[in-house]
C-alpha atoms as a PDB file:
ATOM      1  CA  MET A   1      87.175 110.593 100.835  1.00  0.00           C
ATOM      2  CA  LEU A   2      90.604 109.046 100.484  1.00  0.00           C
ATOM      3  CA  ARG A   3      92.012 107.683  97.210  1.00  0.00           C
ATOM      4  CA  ARG A   4      94.798 105.129  96.846  1.00  0.00           C
ATOM      5  CA  PRO A   5      96.040 104.278  93.362  1.00  0.00           C
ATOM      6  CA  ARG A   6      96.551 100.576  92.670  1.00  0.00           C
ATOM      7  CA  LYS A   7      98.100  98.934  89.631  1.00  0.00           C
ATOM      8  CA  ASP A   8      94.683  97.780  88.396  1.00  0.00           C
ATOM      9  CA  GLY A   9      92.599 100.787  89.490  1.00  0.00           C
ATOM     10  CA  THR A  10      91.890 102.940  92.530  1.00  0.00           C
ATOM     11  CA  GLU A  11      90.725 102.195  96.068  1.00  0.00           C
ATOM     12  CA  VAL A  12      88.454 104.863  97.479  1.00  0.00           C
ATOM     13  CA  THR A  13      87.644 105.079 101.185  1.00  0.00           C
ATOM     14  CA  PHE A  14      84.412 106.913 101.907  1.00  0.00           C
ATOM     15  CA  VAL A  15      84.504 108.515 105.383  1.00  0.00           C
ATOM     16  CA  LEU A  16      81.753 110.159 107.456  1.00  0.00           C
ATOM     17  CA  PRO A  17      81.458 111.430 111.040  1.00  0.00           C
ATOM     18  CA  GLY A  18      80.539 108.749 113.578  1.00  0.00           C
ATOM     19  CA  GLU A  19      76.879 109.531 114.243  1.00  0.00           C
ATOM     20  CA  ASP A  20      75.795 112.138 111.738  1.00  0.00           C
ATOM     21  CA  PRO A  21      73.429 111.081 110.350  1.00  0.00           C
ATOM     22  CA  PRO A  22      72.436 108.438 112.913  1.00  0.00           C
ATOM     23  CA  GLY A  23      71.969 104.776 112.044  1.00  0.00           C
ATOM     24  CA  PRO A  24      73.418 102.740 109.206  1.00  0.00           C
ATOM     25  CA  VAL A  25      74.714 104.545 106.105  1.00  0.00           C
ATOM     26  CA  SER A  26      75.584 102.973 102.743  1.00  0.00           C
ATOM     27  CA  VAL A  27      77.435 104.428  99.800  1.00  0.00           C
ATOM     28  CA  VAL A  28      75.431 103.530  96.708  1.00  0.00           C
ATOM     29  CA  GLY A  29      76.061 104.216  93.060  1.00  0.00           C
ATOM     30  CA  ASP A  30      76.759 102.935  89.581  1.00  0.00           C
ATOM     31  CA  PHE A  31      79.366 100.534  90.984  1.00  0.00           C
ATOM     32  CA  ASN A  32      76.850  98.539  93.070  1.00  0.00           C
ATOM     33  CA  ASP A  33      73.692  99.066  90.988  1.00  0.00           C
ATOM     34  CA  TRP A  34      72.440 101.577  93.578  1.00  0.00           C
ATOM     35  CA  ARG A  35      71.775  98.791  96.107  1.00  0.00           C
ATOM     36  CA  PRO A  36      71.856  99.857  99.771  1.00  0.00           C
ATOM     37  CA  GLY A  37      73.663  97.584 102.199  1.00  0.00           C
ATOM     38  CA  VAL A  38      76.318  96.413  99.742  1.00  0.00           C
ATOM     39  CA  HIS A  39      78.859  99.023 100.929  1.00  0.00           C
ATOM     40  CA  THR A  40      77.821  99.997 104.470  1.00  0.00           C
ATOM     41  CA  LEU A  41      80.130 102.313 106.381  1.00  0.00           C
ATOM     42  CA  GLN A  42      81.601 100.688 109.507  1.00  0.00           C
ATOM     43  CA  PRO A  43      82.841 102.329 112.741  1.00  0.00           C
ATOM     44  CA  ARG A  44      86.566 103.054 113.016  1.00  0.00           C
ATOM     45  CA  LYS A  45      88.763 103.568 116.067  1.00  0.00           C
ATOM     46  CA  ASP A  46      88.911 107.326 115.412  1.00  0.00           C
ATOM     47  CA  GLY A  47      85.132 107.618 115.867  1.00  0.00           C
ATOM     48  CA  LYS A  48      84.345 108.024 112.173  1.00  0.00           C
ATOM     49  CA  ARG A  49      82.651 105.546 109.834  1.00  0.00           C
ATOM     50  CA  ALA A  50      84.193 104.314 106.588  1.00  0.00           C
ATOM     51  CA  VAL A  51      84.061 101.784 103.780  1.00  0.00           C
ATOM     52  CA  THR A  52      86.639 101.118 101.049  1.00  0.00           C
ATOM     53  CA  VAL A  53      85.587 100.301  97.497  1.00  0.00           C
ATOM     54  CA  ALA A  54      87.904  99.158  94.683  1.00  0.00           C
ATOM     55  CA  PHE A  55      87.285 100.758  91.284  1.00  0.00           C
ATOM     56  CA  PRO A  56      88.786  99.993  87.884  1.00  0.00           C
ATOM     57  CA  GLY A  57      90.981 102.724  86.440  1.00  0.00           C
ATOM     58  CA  ASN A  58      89.800 105.419  84.053  1.00  0.00           C
ATOM     59  CA  THR A  59      86.112 105.300  84.950  1.00  0.00           C
ATOM     60  CA  THR A  60      83.510 107.785  86.122  1.00  0.00           C
ATOM     61  CA  GLN A  61      81.070 106.695  88.819  1.00  0.00           C
ATOM     62  CA  SER A  62      78.003 108.480  90.182  1.00  0.00           C
ATOM     63  CA  PHE A  63      77.201 107.936  93.862  1.00  0.00           C
ATOM     64  CA  ARG A  64      75.351 109.191  96.944  1.00  0.00           C
ATOM     65  CA  TYR A  65      74.966 108.163 100.560  1.00  0.00           C
ATOM     66  CA  LEU A  66      71.777 106.557 101.859  1.00  0.00           C
ATOM     67  CA  ALA A  67      71.003 106.652 105.576  1.00  0.00           C
ATOM     68  CA  ALA A  68      68.198 105.156 107.638  1.00  0.00           C
ATOM     69  CA  GLY A  69      64.741 106.511 106.895  1.00  0.00           C
ATOM     70  CA  ASP A  70      65.415 106.793 103.149  1.00  0.00           C
ATOM     71  CA  TYR A  71      67.607 109.876 103.745  1.00  0.00           C
ATOM     72  CA  TRP A  72      69.775 110.514 100.664  1.00  0.00           C
ATOM     73  CA  PHE A  73      72.696 112.939 100.853  1.00  0.00           C
ATOM     74  CA  ASN A  74      75.870 113.920  99.012  1.00  0.00           C
ATOM     75  CA  ASP A  75      79.538 113.921  99.901  1.00  0.00           C
ATOM     76  CA  GLU A  76      80.207 117.603 100.529  1.00  0.00           C
ATOM     77  CA  SER A  77      83.953 117.137  99.917  1.00  0.00           C
ATOM     78  CA  THR A  78      83.227 116.265  96.261  1.00  0.00           C
ATOM     79  CA  GLU A  79      82.397 119.200  94.015  1.00  0.00           C
ATOM     80  CA  ASP A  80      81.789 117.265  90.786  1.00  0.00           C
ATOM     81  CA  ARG A  81      78.095 116.491  90.312  1.00  0.00           C
ATOM     82  CA  ASP A  82      75.908 114.563  87.892  1.00  0.00           C
ATOM     83  CA  GLY A  83      72.489 116.069  88.589  1.00  0.00           C
ATOM     84  CA  ALA A  84      71.709 115.281  92.242  1.00  0.00           C
ATOM     85  CA  ASN A  85      74.554 112.740  92.474  1.00  0.00           C
ATOM     86  CA  ASN A  86      78.237 113.083  93.250  1.00  0.00           C
ATOM     87  CA  ARG A  87      80.626 112.051  90.503  1.00  0.00           C
ATOM     88  CA  LEU A  88      83.938 110.259  91.071  1.00  0.00           C
ATOM     89  CA  HIS A  89      86.708 109.897  88.477  1.00  0.00           C
ATOM     90  CA  THR A  90      89.251 107.087  88.881  1.00  0.00           C
END
């Protein structure tokens, strides 16, 4: 996960390996009402998949990844948790 501060908030780029897990993967959370497909990770030239989401400043967001076959998983690079979900502070 990469963070870029902006004057009106923070841009966060969620990054995963290219094919693990296989199929489409979305990042879902408070910021998109937990709707899959709104923020789907796309292939990059380096072989990884990524999507960038703009967040307002000074907020806390819960999120998880959702892959094909209703497979939910966490971002292992994020240690802050809210129950089963990852937590992101902007």
